[in-house]
Amino acid sequence: MWTSTSGWESQVTWAEGSENAPRRIGLVEDHESVAIGLAAMLARETDLDLVLTAGTVPELLSAADGAPKLDLVVLDLRLADGSSPEDNVRALRDRGIEVLVFTGADNAFLVRSAARAGVLGVVRKSEDAPTVVAAVRRAASGEQVVTTDWAAAIDGDPQLSDVGLSPRQEEVLTLYASGEKASRVARLTGLSEQTVNDYLGRIRQKYADAGRPAPTKTDLYKRAVEDGWLPVPERQPRG
């Protein structure tokens, strides 16, 4: 249990796991109305289960100890404990938990800070329920949720250090990050598969050296979008 600055208490309730269990969602939010609203949005979704709500990341991680792993944490950027979005995202990802930012998006610096730390995407609190639910569903499945807010934050970030890829490395990165397997990249470029994997290792090292680690294929996709090697996906129109 915890009490936020607004005086309301969160309920920590864990759902029993099963073979076909829904995706397990955590929420870090210190405003009661927002937490209630998201819970209501997800309540009708049989494949998504909001199992844990807390006012800070340390509280959520403490409550999560010994419980089945969360598939996703939905994170508010502005929290009453004064924590930084970047530190919060890193703390969650260090525990193997992916993050979707849920924000008013009124502070581009905070959005950029979270984006640098490796969130799967950013969704505004002002979006309608179907848009929010769709974003949570995609992120809970490990998919990128690229919105105009996320793209604008990346485009305006002066701290995205140039990693200095060679033209050949750019070509390999673009093909691989767009979804091709290493074997397919090898065929398309005329390289051996081992050479492609060597290139990918060097590319990852360059990003790590620049303070922009990319250990997974999803991370490489993010970096390719950030650096302009791949286009920002267009926002899906509302149905």
Foldseek 3Di string as FASTA:
>chain_A
DDAAPVGDDWDQAADDDDPQQAAEEEEADRDPVLVVVLCVLCVPPRRYDDRYYYPALVVRVVSCPPHPDHLEYEYEQDGPVPDALLVSQLVQVVVVHAYEYEYCLPDLVSLLSNVLSPHLYYDYSPDDSVVVVVQCVQVSVVHRDFDPSNLVSLQPDPLQDDLDDDPVLLQLLLCLLVPDDLCVSCVVVVHHSVVSVVSVVVVQVSCVVSVRHQPDSPSSNSNCCSVVSDPRDDDDDDD
